[in-house]
Amino acid sequence: MTKLPILKGEEIVKLLQRLGFEIIRQKGSHIFLRHSDGRKTVVPVHKGQDIDRGLLRKIIRDVELSYQEFSELVQRQNRKR
């Protein structure tokens, strides 16, 4: 299995927005995102803190991507920087 990258909540939100997810609301530090096809997830955004790999796996499952697809998306994003 591909080793998941360490990401911050803000980075995950930006990646999901590139996939077509929209921020529908925010409650405290938790951002709720939804795609037009019905997929949805919640991403906690705490300044200066990384998202744990277990939570990242949950978010990836929520948005119905494979770990490989997600890793490729992150790599493409990092190349553009």
C-alpha atoms as a PDB file:
ATOM      1  CA  MET A   1       0.000   0.000   0.000  1.00  0.00           C
ATOM      2  CA  THR A   2       1.145   3.546  -0.721  1.00  0.00           C
ATOM      3  CA  LYS A   3       2.333   5.481   2.319  1.00  0.00           C
ATOM      4  CA  LEU A   4       0.015   8.410   2.883  1.00  0.00           C
ATOM      5  CA  PRO A   5       1.555  11.883   3.010  1.00  0.00           C
ATOM      6  CA  ILE A   6       1.401  14.124   6.066  1.00  0.00           C
ATOM      7  CA  LEU A   7      -0.858  17.075   5.271  1.00  0.00           C
ATOM      8  CA  LYS A   8      -2.438  19.997   7.048  1.00  0.00           C
ATOM      9  CA  GLY A   9      -6.206  20.458   7.037  1.00  0.00           C
ATOM     10  CA  GLU A  10      -5.955  23.531   4.806  1.00  0.00           C
ATOM     11  CA  GLU A  11      -4.049  21.530   2.178  1.00  0.00           C
ATOM     12  CA  ILE A  12      -6.679  18.790   2.171  1.00  0.00           C
ATOM     13  CA  VAL A  13      -9.483  21.334   1.731  1.00  0.00           C
ATOM     14  CA  LYS A  14      -7.667  22.878  -1.275  1.00  0.00           C
ATOM     15  CA  LEU A  15      -7.133  19.454  -2.858  1.00  0.00           C
ATOM     16  CA  LEU A  16     -10.785  18.552  -2.410  1.00  0.00           C
ATOM     17  CA  GLN A  17     -11.889  21.867  -3.890  1.00  0.00           C
ATOM     18  CA  ARG A  18      -9.812  21.081  -7.001  1.00  0.00           C
ATOM     19  CA  LEU A  19     -11.790  17.822  -7.242  1.00  0.00           C
ATOM     20  CA  GLY A  20     -15.058  19.770  -7.284  1.00  0.00           C
ATOM     21  CA  PHE A  21     -15.980  19.770  -3.598  1.00  0.00           C
ATOM     22  CA  GLU A  22     -17.543  22.929  -2.181  1.00  0.00           C
ATOM     23  CA  ILE A  23     -17.428  24.241   1.348  1.00  0.00           C
ATOM     24  CA  ILE A  24     -21.019  24.115   2.542  1.00  0.00           C
ATOM     25  CA  ARG A  25     -20.476  25.289   6.105  1.00  0.00           C
ATOM     26  CA  GLN A  26     -18.028  25.560   8.946  1.00  0.00           C
ATOM     27  CA  LYS A  27     -18.591  24.870  12.624  1.00  0.00           C
ATOM     28  CA  GLY A  28     -15.651  25.936  14.708  1.00  0.00           C
ATOM     29  CA  SER A  29     -12.524  24.470  13.149  1.00  0.00           C
ATOM     30  CA  HIS A  30     -14.404  21.801  11.160  1.00  0.00           C
ATOM     31  CA  ILE A  31     -15.071  22.479   7.473  1.00  0.00           C
ATOM     32  CA  PHE A  32     -17.906  20.528   5.842  1.00  0.00           C
ATOM     33  CA  LEU A  33     -17.466  19.830   2.130  1.00  0.00           C
ATOM     34  CA  ARG A  34     -19.871  18.349  -0.416  1.00  0.00           C
ATOM     35  CA  HIS A  35     -19.568  17.314  -4.044  1.00  0.00           C
ATOM     36  CA  SER A  36     -22.411  17.761  -6.525  1.00  0.00           C
ATOM     37  CA  ASP A  37     -22.727  13.951  -6.827  1.00  0.00           C
ATOM     38  CA  GLY A  38     -23.516  13.606  -3.108  1.00  0.00           C
ATOM     39  CA  ARG A  39     -20.137  12.710  -1.620  1.00  0.00           C
ATOM     40  CA  LYS A  40     -19.333  14.633   1.542  1.00  0.00           C
ATOM     41  CA  THR A  41     -16.734  14.826   4.288  1.00  0.00           C
ATOM     42  CA  VAL A  42     -15.538  16.926   7.206  1.00  0.00           C
ATOM     43  CA  VAL A  43     -11.986  18.241   7.531  1.00  0.00           C
ATOM     44  CA  PRO A  44     -10.682  19.705  10.806  1.00  0.00           C
ATOM     45  CA  VAL A  45      -8.462  22.726  10.225  1.00  0.00           C
ATOM     46  CA  HIS A  46      -6.312  23.475  13.270  1.00  0.00           C
ATOM     47  CA  LYS A  47      -3.546  25.987  12.675  1.00  0.00           C
ATOM     48  CA  GLY A  48      -0.116  24.417  12.726  1.00  0.00           C
ATOM     49  CA  GLN A  49      -1.360  20.844  13.178  1.00  0.00           C
ATOM     50  CA  ASP A  50      -1.139  17.957  10.737  1.00  0.00           C
ATOM     51  CA  ILE A  51      -3.980  15.553  10.011  1.00  0.00           C
ATOM     52  CA  ASP A  52      -3.324  12.107  11.449  1.00  0.00           C
ATOM     53  CA  ARG A  53      -3.051   9.309   8.887  1.00  0.00           C
ATOM     54  CA  GLY A  54      -6.053   7.494  10.373  1.00  0.00           C
ATOM     55  CA  LEU A  55      -8.270  10.537   9.869  1.00  0.00           C
ATOM     56  CA  LEU A  56      -6.803  11.066   6.405  1.00  0.00           C
ATOM     57  CA  ARG A  57      -7.802   7.479   5.498  1.00  0.00           C
ATOM     58  CA  LYS A  58     -11.360   8.245   6.683  1.00  0.00           C
ATOM     59  CA  ILE A  59     -11.526  11.403   4.559  1.00  0.00           C
ATOM     60  CA  ILE A  60     -10.240   9.493   1.512  1.00  0.00           C
ATOM     61  CA  ARG A  61     -12.903   6.810   2.026  1.00  0.00           C
ATOM     62  CA  ASP A  62     -15.596   9.495   2.426  1.00  0.00           C
ATOM     63  CA  VAL A  63     -14.698  11.057  -0.927  1.00  0.00           C
ATOM     64  CA  GLU A  64     -14.509   7.606  -2.558  1.00  0.00           C
ATOM     65  CA  LEU A  65     -10.933   7.798  -3.836  1.00  0.00           C
ATOM     66  CA  SER A  66      -8.304   5.097  -3.678  1.00  0.00           C
ATOM     67  CA  TYR A  67      -5.167   5.770  -1.657  1.00  0.00           C
ATOM     68  CA  GLN A  68      -3.198   5.636  -4.910  1.00  0.00           C
ATOM     69  CA  GLU A  69      -5.432   8.241  -6.593  1.00  0.00           C
ATOM     70  CA  PHE A  70      -5.126  10.540  -3.593  1.00  0.00           C
ATOM     71  CA  SER A  71      -1.326  10.181  -3.465  1.00  0.00           C
ATOM     72  CA  GLU A  72      -1.073  10.991  -7.179  1.00  0.00           C
ATOM     73  CA  LEU A  73      -3.245  14.062  -6.655  1.00  0.00           C
ATOM     74  CA  VAL A  74      -0.949  15.254  -3.852  1.00  0.00           C
ATOM     75  CA  GLN A  75       2.147  14.664  -5.981  1.00  0.00           C
ATOM     76  CA  ARG A  76       0.681  16.647  -8.883  1.00  0.00           C
ATOM     77  CA  GLN A  77      -0.187  19.460  -6.479  1.00  0.00           C
ATOM     78  CA  ASN A  78       3.371  19.501  -5.089  1.00  0.00           C
ATOM     79  CA  ARG A  79       4.887  19.639  -8.597  1.00  0.00           C
ATOM     80  CA  LYS A  80       2.874  22.774  -9.405  1.00  0.00           C
ATOM     81  CA  ARG A  81       4.412  24.671  -6.477  1.00  0.00           C
END
